[in-house]
Amino acid sequence: MGQHLPDFAEPRWFVCHTKPRCEKKFDDLVARERFAHYLPLIQSVRRYGTQKKVFTKPLFPGYVFVRIEPEKKTRIYQQDLLVRAMLVDNEAVFLRQLEDVKTVCASGLEAMVHPLMRKGTKVKVNGGPLKGLEGHVDDPANPQGIVVSVDVLQQGLLVRLPMEFLQILH
């Protein structure tokens, strides 16, 4: 695919974006190559009639974290499993957050990925009676609502909405 990683002199952490449903295959590949790596997995339970099946699935679908050594960087492209690899900017923060993710995965508690909402994040309502309206998140500690701006009055309306109705606008 002609993809290339940026030049780097020391081993660096990358967020590797895999092709759909290739996370475990890619994780096996980097394990065989002896790269430091982490694929966060969580347990999922599926019920089929009276039977229940427990399996593991990636917490972040499509992503594996890999510490790549510069001299071995081409090895990650061996099986055509990768879409792209993105260099981690702040490794200290990343590694701290990765430890938090490991703690969550090891806890056995149910976890799901949730978009990060900050005060002022622009969102669009994608369900309910206000579908189509745009606004911004009022309080990231309790982002159940959005503020719909009325600029000419320099005021806004705070509307409480379920999180699943909000879609982040980029």
N, C-alpha and C. Protein backbone atom coordinates (compact mmCIF):
# COMPACT_ATOMS: atom_id res chain seq x y z
N MET A 1 0.82 -1.21 0.00
CA MET A 1 0.00 0.00 0.00
C MET A 1 0.85 1.26 0.00
N GLY A 2 2.15 1.11 0.08
CA GLY A 2 3.02 2.26 0.02
C GLY A 2 2.93 3.17 1.23
N GLN A 3 2.52 2.62 2.37
CA GLN A 3 2.45 3.45 3.57
C GLN A 3 3.81 3.46 4.24
N HIS A 4 4.14 4.59 4.81
CA HIS A 4 5.43 4.68 5.48
C HIS A 4 5.25 5.41 6.80
N LEU A 5 5.99 4.96 7.76
CA LEU A 5 5.98 5.63 9.05
C LEU A 5 6.92 6.83 8.97
N PRO A 6 6.70 7.83 9.82
CA PRO A 6 7.65 8.95 9.86
C PRO A 6 9.00 8.44 10.36
N ASP A 7 10.05 9.18 10.07
CA ASP A 7 11.37 8.78 10.56
C ASP A 7 11.43 8.99 12.07
N PHE A 8 12.03 8.01 12.74
CA PHE A 8 12.22 8.15 14.19
C PHE A 8 13.45 7.32 14.55
N ALA A 9 14.22 7.83 15.52
CA ALA A 9 15.51 7.22 15.85
C ALA A 9 15.40 6.20 16.98
N GLU A 10 14.51 6.47 17.93
CA GLU A 10 14.33 5.60 19.09
C GLU A 10 13.04 4.81 18.94
N PRO A 11 12.89 3.68 19.65
CA PRO A 11 11.60 2.98 19.63
C PRO A 11 10.49 3.94 20.10
N ARG A 12 9.37 3.95 19.39
CA ARG A 12 8.26 4.86 19.70
C ARG A 12 6.94 4.10 19.69
N TRP A 13 5.98 4.61 20.46
CA TRP A 13 4.64 4.04 20.49
C TRP A 13 3.81 4.59 19.34
N PHE A 14 3.04 3.71 18.73
CA PHE A 14 2.14 4.08 17.64
C PHE A 14 0.74 3.53 17.94
N VAL A 15 -0.25 4.25 17.47
CA VAL A 15 -1.62 3.76 17.47
C VAL A 15 -1.80 3.15 16.07
N CYS A 16 -1.96 1.84 16.02
CA CYS A 16 -2.08 1.15 14.74
C CYS A 16 -3.55 0.88 14.43
N HIS A 17 -4.00 1.46 13.34
CA HIS A 17 -5.39 1.31 12.90
C HIS A 17 -5.44 0.15 11.90
N THR A 18 -6.12 -0.92 12.30
CA THR A 18 -6.15 -2.13 11.47
C THR A 18 -7.36 -2.12 10.54
N LYS A 19 -7.32 -3.01 9.59
CA LYS A 19 -8.50 -3.24 8.77
C LYS A 19 -9.59 -3.84 9.65
N PRO A 20 -10.87 -3.74 9.24
CA PRO A 20 -11.95 -4.25 10.09
C PRO A 20 -11.76 -5.72 10.48
N ARG A 21 -12.00 -6.00 11.76
CA ARG A 21 -11.91 -7.34 12.34
C ARG A 21 -10.54 -8.00 12.16
N CYS A 22 -9.49 -7.19 12.12
CA CYS A 22 -8.13 -7.73 12.00
C CYS A 22 -7.28 -7.43 13.24
N GLU A 23 -7.91 -6.93 14.31
CA GLU A 23 -7.14 -6.53 15.49
C GLU A 23 -6.37 -7.71 16.08
N LYS A 24 -7.02 -8.85 16.26
CA LYS A 24 -6.35 -10.00 16.90
C LYS A 24 -5.26 -10.57 16.01
N LYS A 25 -5.48 -10.60 14.69
CA LYS A 25 -4.44 -11.08 13.76
C LYS A 25 -3.23 -10.17 13.81
N PHE A 26 -3.48 -8.84 13.82
CA PHE A 26 -2.38 -7.88 13.88
C PHE A 26 -1.65 -7.99 15.21
N ASP A 27 -2.40 -8.18 16.30
CA ASP A 27 -1.80 -8.35 17.62
C ASP A 27 -0.90 -9.59 17.64
N ASP A 28 -1.35 -10.67 16.99
CA ASP A 28 -0.52 -11.89 16.89
C ASP A 28 0.76 -11.61 16.11
N LEU A 29 0.63 -10.85 15.02
CA LEU A 29 1.79 -10.51 14.19
C LEU A 29 2.85 -9.75 14.99
N VAL A 30 2.42 -8.69 15.71
CA VAL A 30 3.41 -7.90 16.46
C VAL A 30 3.95 -8.69 17.65
N ALA A 31 3.18 -9.63 18.18
CA ALA A 31 3.68 -10.50 19.25
C ALA A 31 4.79 -11.40 18.71
N ARG A 32 4.57 -11.98 17.53
CA ARG A 32 5.60 -12.83 16.91
C ARG A 32 6.87 -12.04 16.62
N GLU A 33 6.71 -10.78 16.27
CA GLU A 33 7.86 -9.91 15.97
C GLU A 33 8.50 -9.36 17.26
N ARG A 34 7.93 -9.72 18.39
CA ARG A 34 8.42 -9.30 19.71
C ARG A 34 8.40 -7.79 19.95
N PHE A 35 7.39 -7.12 19.40
CA PHE A 35 7.18 -5.71 19.71
C PHE A 35 6.42 -5.63 21.03
N ALA A 36 6.70 -4.60 21.83
CA ALA A 36 5.82 -4.32 22.97
C ALA A 36 4.50 -3.86 22.36
N HIS A 37 3.38 -4.38 22.86
CA HIS A 37 2.10 -4.05 22.24
C HIS A 37 0.97 -4.27 23.24
N TYR A 38 -0.18 -3.72 22.92
CA TYR A 38 -1.34 -3.92 23.78
C TYR A 38 -2.61 -3.79 22.95
N LEU A 39 -3.44 -4.82 23.04
CA LEU A 39 -4.76 -4.82 22.43
C LEU A 39 -5.76 -4.94 23.58
N PRO A 40 -6.40 -3.82 23.98
CA PRO A 40 -7.37 -3.90 25.08
C PRO A 40 -8.57 -4.75 24.67
N LEU A 41 -8.84 -5.80 25.45
CA LEU A 41 -9.97 -6.68 25.18
C LEU A 41 -10.93 -6.66 26.36
N ILE A 42 -12.22 -6.75 26.06
CA ILE A 42 -13.23 -6.84 27.10
C ILE A 42 -14.11 -8.04 26.81
N GLN A 43 -14.74 -8.54 27.87
CA GLN A 43 -15.63 -9.68 27.70
C GLN A 43 -16.99 -9.19 27.21
N SER A 44 -17.55 -9.97 26.34
CA SER A 44 -18.88 -9.66 25.83
C SER A 44 -19.70 -10.94 25.93
N VAL A 45 -20.95 -10.81 26.30
CA VAL A 45 -21.82 -11.97 26.45
C VAL A 45 -22.92 -11.88 25.39
N ARG A 46 -23.05 -12.93 24.64
CA ARG A 46 -24.14 -13.01 23.66
C ARG A 46 -25.07 -14.13 24.08
N ARG A 47 -26.34 -13.90 23.98
CA ARG A 47 -27.32 -14.93 24.30
C ARG A 47 -27.96 -15.44 23.01
N TYR A 48 -27.97 -16.75 22.90
CA TYR A 48 -28.61 -17.41 21.77
C TYR A 48 -29.67 -18.33 22.35
N GLY A 49 -30.90 -17.85 22.40
CA GLY A 49 -31.96 -18.64 23.02
C GLY A 49 -31.65 -18.83 24.50
N THR A 50 -31.48 -20.10 24.90
CA THR A 50 -31.18 -20.38 26.31
C THR A 50 -29.68 -20.43 26.56
N GLN A 51 -28.89 -20.46 25.49
CA GLN A 51 -27.44 -20.54 25.67
C GLN A 51 -26.81 -19.16 25.73
N LYS A 52 -25.73 -19.06 26.50
CA LYS A 52 -24.99 -17.81 26.49
C LYS A 52 -23.54 -18.11 26.15
N LYS A 53 -22.99 -17.25 25.33
CA LYS A 53 -21.61 -17.43 24.88
C LYS A 53 -20.82 -16.20 25.30
N VAL A 54 -19.69 -16.44 25.96
CA VAL A 54 -18.82 -15.35 26.39
C VAL A 54 -17.61 -15.32 25.47
N PHE A 55 -17.31 -14.15 24.94
CA PHE A 55 -16.12 -14.03 24.09
C PHE A 55 -15.46 -12.68 24.37
N THR A 56 -14.24 -12.53 23.90
CA THR A 56 -13.56 -11.26 24.09
C THR A 56 -13.60 -10.48 22.79
N LYS A 57 -13.72 -9.18 22.95
CA LYS A 57 -13.71 -8.31 21.77
C LYS A 57 -12.87 -7.08 22.09
N PRO A 58 -12.33 -6.44 21.04
CA PRO A 58 -11.52 -5.24 21.27
C PRO A 58 -12.34 -4.12 21.91
N LEU A 59 -11.75 -3.47 22.90
CA LEU A 59 -12.40 -2.33 23.53
C LEU A 59 -12.49 -1.16 22.54
N PHE A 60 -11.42 -0.97 21.77
CA PHE A 60 -11.39 0.07 20.75
C PHE A 60 -11.32 -0.62 19.39
N PRO A 61 -12.47 -0.89 18.77
CA PRO A 61 -12.46 -1.63 17.51
C PRO A 61 -11.55 -0.97 16.47
N GLY A 62 -10.65 -1.79 15.89
CA GLY A 62 -9.77 -1.28 14.85
C GLY A 62 -8.43 -0.76 15.33
N TYR A 63 -8.15 -0.83 16.65
CA TYR A 63 -6.90 -0.22 17.14
C TYR A 63 -6.09 -1.15 18.02
N VAL A 64 -4.76 -1.16 17.76
CA VAL A 64 -3.79 -1.89 18.57
C VAL A 64 -2.66 -0.90 18.85
N PHE A 65 -2.16 -0.88 20.08
CA PHE A 65 -1.06 0.02 20.45
C PHE A 65 0.25 -0.76 20.37
N VAL A 66 1.23 -0.21 19.66
CA VAL A 66 2.48 -0.95 19.41
C VAL A 66 3.68 -0.02 19.57
N ARG A 67 4.70 -0.53 20.26
CA ARG A 67 5.98 0.20 20.38
C ARG A 67 6.89 -0.35 19.29
N ILE A 68 7.19 0.48 18.32
CA ILE A 68 7.90 0.04 17.12
C ILE A 68 9.36 0.49 17.17
N GLU A 69 10.24 -0.46 16.87
CA GLU A 69 11.66 -0.14 16.79
C GLU A 69 11.96 0.30 15.36
N PRO A 70 12.73 1.38 15.19
CA PRO A 70 12.94 1.96 13.86
C PRO A 70 13.47 0.94 12.83
N GLU A 71 14.37 0.08 13.26
CA GLU A 71 14.97 -0.87 12.29
C GLU A 71 14.01 -1.99 11.89
N LYS A 72 12.91 -2.13 12.62
CA LYS A 72 11.95 -3.20 12.31
C LYS A 72 10.61 -2.65 11.84
N LYS A 73 10.56 -1.36 11.50
CA LYS A 73 9.26 -0.73 11.23
C LYS A 73 8.52 -1.32 10.03
N THR A 74 9.23 -1.85 9.05
CA THR A 74 8.54 -2.41 7.88
C THR A 74 7.82 -3.71 8.22
N ARG A 75 8.19 -4.35 9.34
CA ARG A 75 7.60 -5.64 9.72
C ARG A 75 6.10 -5.54 10.01
N ILE A 76 5.62 -4.36 10.38
CA ILE A 76 4.20 -4.23 10.72
C ILE A 76 3.29 -4.31 9.49
N TYR A 77 3.88 -4.21 8.29
CA TYR A 77 3.07 -4.24 7.07
C TYR A 77 3.02 -5.61 6.42
N GLN A 78 3.63 -6.63 7.05
CA GLN A 78 3.77 -7.95 6.44
C GLN A 78 2.49 -8.56 5.89
N GLN A 79 1.43 -8.55 6.66
CA GLN A 79 0.24 -9.32 6.25
C GLN A 79 -0.88 -8.44 5.72
N ASP A 80 -0.57 -7.19 5.40
CA ASP A 80 -1.57 -6.27 4.86
C ASP A 80 -2.79 -6.17 5.78
N LEU A 81 -2.55 -6.03 7.07
CA LEU A 81 -3.63 -5.93 8.06
C LEU A 81 -3.85 -4.49 8.51
N LEU A 82 -2.93 -3.61 8.12
CA LEU A 82 -2.88 -2.27 8.68
C LEU A 82 -3.44 -1.23 7.72
N VAL A 83 -4.23 -0.30 8.26
CA VAL A 83 -4.70 0.83 7.47
C VAL A 83 -3.66 1.95 7.59
N ARG A 84 -3.30 2.29 8.84
CA ARG A 84 -2.26 3.30 9.06
C ARG A 84 -1.75 3.20 10.50
N ALA A 85 -0.59 3.79 10.72
CA ALA A 85 -0.01 3.86 12.06
C ALA A 85 0.26 5.32 12.38
N MET A 86 -0.22 5.75 13.55
CA MET A 86 -0.08 7.15 13.95
C MET A 86 0.84 7.25 15.16
N LEU A 87 1.84 8.10 15.05
CA LEU A 87 2.80 8.30 16.12
C LEU A 87 2.12 8.92 17.34
N VAL A 88 2.41 8.39 18.53
CA VAL A 88 1.90 8.97 19.78
C VAL A 88 2.78 10.16 20.13
N ASP A 89 2.16 11.33 20.29
CA ASP A 89 2.92 12.54 20.59
C ASP A 89 3.50 12.54 21.99
N ASN A 90 2.63 12.47 23.00
CA ASN A 90 3.08 12.58 24.39
C ASN A 90 3.07 11.17 25.01
N GLU A 91 4.21 10.50 24.95
CA GLU A 91 4.27 9.11 25.42
C GLU A 91 4.03 8.97 26.91
N ALA A 92 4.45 9.95 27.72
CA ALA A 92 4.26 9.86 29.17
C ALA A 92 2.76 9.82 29.50
N VAL A 93 1.99 10.73 28.91
CA VAL A 93 0.55 10.76 29.15
C VAL A 93 -0.08 9.50 28.58
N PHE A 94 0.32 9.12 27.36
CA PHE A 94 -0.23 7.92 26.71
C PHE A 94 -0.02 6.69 27.58
N LEU A 95 1.18 6.49 28.11
CA LEU A 95 1.48 5.29 28.91
C LEU A 95 0.69 5.29 30.21
N ARG A 96 0.49 6.46 30.80
CA ARG A 96 -0.33 6.56 32.01
C ARG A 96 -1.78 6.17 31.69
N GLN A 97 -2.30 6.68 30.57
CA GLN A 97 -3.67 6.36 30.18
C GLN A 97 -3.81 4.89 29.81
N LEU A 98 -2.76 4.32 29.20
CA LEU A 98 -2.78 2.90 28.84
C LEU A 98 -2.87 2.04 30.10
N GLU A 99 -2.17 2.45 31.16
CA GLU A 99 -2.27 1.73 32.44
C GLU A 99 -3.70 1.79 32.97
N ASP A 100 -4.34 2.95 32.83
CA ASP A 100 -5.74 3.08 33.26
C ASP A 100 -6.64 2.14 32.47
N VAL A 101 -6.40 2.06 31.16
CA VAL A 101 -7.20 1.18 30.30
C VAL A 101 -6.99 -0.28 30.74
N LYS A 102 -5.74 -0.64 31.03
CA LYS A 102 -5.44 -2.01 31.48
C LYS A 102 -6.19 -2.32 32.78
N THR A 103 -6.22 -1.34 33.70
CA THR A 103 -6.93 -1.51 34.97
C THR A 103 -8.41 -1.74 34.73
N VAL A 104 -9.00 -0.95 33.84
CA VAL A 104 -10.42 -1.10 33.52
C VAL A 104 -10.68 -2.48 32.91
N CYS A 105 -9.86 -2.88 31.94
CA CYS A 105 -10.05 -4.19 31.28
C CYS A 105 -9.90 -5.34 32.28
N ALA A 106 -8.95 -5.21 33.21
CA ALA A 106 -8.71 -6.28 34.19
C ALA A 106 -9.80 -6.34 35.27
N SER A 107 -10.55 -5.25 35.43
CA SER A 107 -11.54 -5.18 36.50
C SER A 107 -12.73 -6.11 36.28
N GLY A 108 -12.97 -6.47 35.02
CA GLY A 108 -14.13 -7.29 34.72
C GLY A 108 -15.42 -6.48 34.65
N LEU A 109 -15.33 -5.19 34.94
CA LEU A 109 -16.51 -4.34 34.85
C LEU A 109 -16.85 -4.09 33.38
N GLU A 110 -18.12 -3.87 33.13
CA GLU A 110 -18.54 -3.59 31.76
C GLU A 110 -18.09 -2.18 31.39
N ALA A 111 -17.47 -2.05 30.23
CA ALA A 111 -17.00 -0.74 29.79
C ALA A 111 -17.35 -0.58 28.32
N MET A 112 -17.61 0.64 27.95
CA MET A 112 -17.86 0.92 26.54
C MET A 112 -17.21 2.24 26.18
N VAL A 113 -16.81 2.35 24.92
CA VAL A 113 -16.17 3.57 24.45
C VAL A 113 -17.23 4.68 24.39
N HIS A 114 -16.82 5.85 24.81
CA HIS A 114 -17.73 6.98 24.87
C HIS A 114 -17.00 8.20 24.32
N PRO A 115 -17.63 8.99 23.46
CA PRO A 115 -16.91 10.17 22.96
C PRO A 115 -16.58 11.12 24.10
N LEU A 116 -15.42 11.74 24.00
CA LEU A 116 -14.98 12.67 25.02
C LEU A 116 -15.68 14.01 24.78
N MET A 117 -16.43 14.46 25.76
CA MET A 117 -17.17 15.72 25.63
C MET A 117 -16.52 16.76 26.53
N ARG A 118 -16.16 17.86 25.94
CA ARG A 118 -15.62 18.97 26.72
C ARG A 118 -16.58 20.14 26.62
N LYS A 119 -16.48 21.04 27.58
CA LYS A 119 -17.32 22.25 27.54
C LYS A 119 -17.07 22.95 26.20
N GLY A 120 -18.15 23.24 25.51
CA GLY A 120 -18.02 23.94 24.23
C GLY A 120 -17.95 23.01 23.03
N THR A 121 -17.86 21.68 23.23
CA THR A 121 -17.83 20.75 22.10
C THR A 121 -19.10 20.94 21.28
N LYS A 122 -18.94 21.15 19.97
CA LYS A 122 -20.11 21.33 19.11
C LYS A 122 -20.75 19.97 18.86
N VAL A 123 -22.06 19.94 19.02
CA VAL A 123 -22.80 18.69 18.83
C VAL A 123 -24.05 18.94 17.99
N LYS A 124 -24.53 17.85 17.41
CA LYS A 124 -25.79 17.89 16.66
C LYS A 124 -26.71 16.87 17.30
N VAL A 125 -27.97 17.21 17.42
CA VAL A 125 -28.95 16.30 17.99
C VAL A 125 -29.39 15.34 16.88
N ASN A 126 -29.23 14.03 17.12
CA ASN A 126 -29.56 13.06 16.07
C ASN A 126 -30.76 12.19 16.41
N GLY A 127 -31.55 12.61 17.40
CA GLY A 127 -32.76 11.85 17.74
C GLY A 127 -33.68 12.68 18.60
N GLY A 128 -34.91 12.25 18.70
CA GLY A 128 -35.87 12.93 19.55
C GLY A 128 -36.48 14.15 18.87
N PRO A 129 -37.26 14.92 19.63
CA PRO A 129 -38.00 16.05 19.05
C PRO A 129 -37.11 17.20 18.58
N LEU A 130 -35.86 17.25 19.03
CA LEU A 130 -34.95 18.33 18.62
C LEU A 130 -33.98 17.89 17.54
N LYS A 131 -34.25 16.75 16.91
CA LYS A 131 -33.35 16.20 15.89
C LYS A 131 -32.98 17.27 14.87
N GLY A 132 -31.67 17.36 14.57
CA GLY A 132 -31.20 18.32 13.58
C GLY A 132 -30.65 19.61 14.18
N LEU A 133 -31.04 19.93 15.42
CA LEU A 133 -30.53 21.14 16.05
C LEU A 133 -29.04 20.97 16.36
N GLU A 134 -28.32 22.08 16.32
CA GLU A 134 -26.91 22.07 16.72
C GLU A 134 -26.74 22.95 17.94
N GLY A 135 -25.79 22.57 18.77
CA GLY A 135 -25.50 23.36 19.96
C GLY A 135 -24.12 23.00 20.46
N HIS A 136 -23.86 23.33 21.71
CA HIS A 136 -22.57 22.93 22.30
C HIS A 136 -22.80 22.42 23.71
N VAL A 137 -21.86 21.57 24.16
CA VAL A 137 -21.96 20.95 25.47
C VAL A 137 -21.78 22.02 26.54
N ASP A 138 -22.68 21.99 27.51
CA ASP A 138 -22.64 22.98 28.58
C ASP A 138 -21.67 22.59 29.68
N ASP A 139 -21.82 21.38 30.22
CA ASP A 139 -21.05 20.98 31.40
C ASP A 139 -20.49 19.58 31.17
N PRO A 140 -19.19 19.48 30.90
CA PRO A 140 -18.61 18.16 30.60
C PRO A 140 -18.69 17.18 31.77
N ALA A 141 -18.82 17.69 33.00
CA ALA A 141 -18.94 16.79 34.15
C ALA A 141 -20.32 16.13 34.16
N ASN A 142 -21.27 16.77 33.50
CA ASN A 142 -22.62 16.24 33.44
C ASN A 142 -23.20 16.59 32.07
N PRO A 143 -22.63 15.99 30.99
CA PRO A 143 -22.98 16.45 29.64
C PRO A 143 -24.32 15.90 29.14
N GLN A 144 -25.35 16.05 29.98
CA GLN A 144 -26.68 15.58 29.58
C GLN A 144 -27.40 16.64 28.78
N GLY A 145 -26.80 17.78 28.62
CA GLY A 145 -27.51 18.85 27.95
C GLY A 145 -26.65 19.59 26.96
N ILE A 146 -27.32 20.34 26.11
CA ILE A 146 -26.61 21.20 25.18
C ILE A 146 -27.17 22.60 25.33
N VAL A 147 -26.37 23.55 24.91
CA VAL A 147 -26.83 24.93 24.86
C VAL A 147 -27.07 25.26 23.40
N VAL A 148 -28.30 25.69 23.11
CA VAL A 148 -28.65 26.16 21.79
C VAL A 148 -28.50 27.67 21.83
N SER A 149 -27.65 28.20 20.95
CA SER A 149 -27.34 29.64 21.00
C SER A 149 -28.39 30.47 20.29
N VAL A 150 -28.68 31.60 20.89
CA VAL A 150 -29.47 32.64 20.24
C VAL A 150 -28.55 33.86 20.25
N ASP A 151 -27.67 33.92 19.24
CA ASP A 151 -26.60 34.91 19.26
C ASP A 151 -27.09 36.36 19.30
N VAL A 152 -28.16 36.65 18.57
CA VAL A 152 -28.61 38.05 18.54
C VAL A 152 -29.02 38.55 19.92
N LEU A 153 -29.45 37.65 20.77
CA LEU A 153 -29.81 38.03 22.14
C LEU A 153 -28.66 37.80 23.11
N GLN A 154 -27.57 37.24 22.59
CA GLN A 154 -26.42 36.85 23.41
C GLN A 154 -26.86 35.98 24.58
N GLN A 155 -27.73 35.05 24.25
CA GLN A 155 -28.22 34.12 25.25
C GLN A 155 -28.25 32.73 24.66
N GLY A 156 -28.45 31.78 25.52
CA GLY A 156 -28.56 30.40 25.06
C GLY A 156 -29.62 29.67 25.85
N LEU A 157 -30.14 28.62 25.29
CA LEU A 157 -31.11 27.78 25.98
C LEU A 157 -30.43 26.48 26.37
N LEU A 158 -30.42 26.16 27.65
CA LEU A 158 -29.87 24.88 28.09
C LEU A 158 -30.97 23.83 27.99
N VAL A 159 -30.74 22.81 27.18
CA VAL A 159 -31.73 21.76 26.98
C VAL A 159 -31.12 20.44 27.45
N ARG A 160 -31.81 19.74 28.33
CA ARG A 160 -31.34 18.45 28.81
C ARG A 160 -31.71 17.38 27.79
N LEU A 161 -30.71 16.60 27.38
CA LEU A 161 -30.92 15.56 26.38
C LEU A 161 -30.15 14.31 26.76
N PRO A 162 -30.66 13.13 26.40
CA PRO A 162 -29.88 11.91 26.61
C PRO A 162 -28.63 11.93 25.74
N MET A 163 -27.52 11.42 26.28
CA MET A 163 -26.25 11.41 25.56
C MET A 163 -26.36 10.74 24.20
N GLU A 164 -27.16 9.68 24.11
CA GLU A 164 -27.22 8.94 22.84
C GLU A 164 -27.84 9.77 21.72
N PHE A 165 -28.44 10.91 22.06
CA PHE A 165 -29.01 11.79 21.03
C PHE A 165 -27.98 12.76 20.47
N LEU A 166 -26.79 12.80 21.10
CA LEU A 166 -25.80 13.80 20.71
C LEU A 166 -24.71 13.19 19.83
N GLN A 167 -24.38 13.89 18.77
CA GLN A 167 -23.32 13.47 17.86
C GLN A 167 -22.31 14.60 17.81
N ILE A 168 -21.04 14.30 18.03
CA ILE A 168 -20.01 15.33 18.02
C ILE A 168 -19.77 15.80 16.59
N LEU A 169 -19.71 17.11 16.41
CA LEU A 169 -19.38 17.69 15.10
C LEU A 169 -17.91 18.06 15.10
N HIS A 170 -17.23 17.74 14.02
CA HIS A 170 -15.79 18.05 13.95
C HIS A 170 -15.54 19.26 13.08
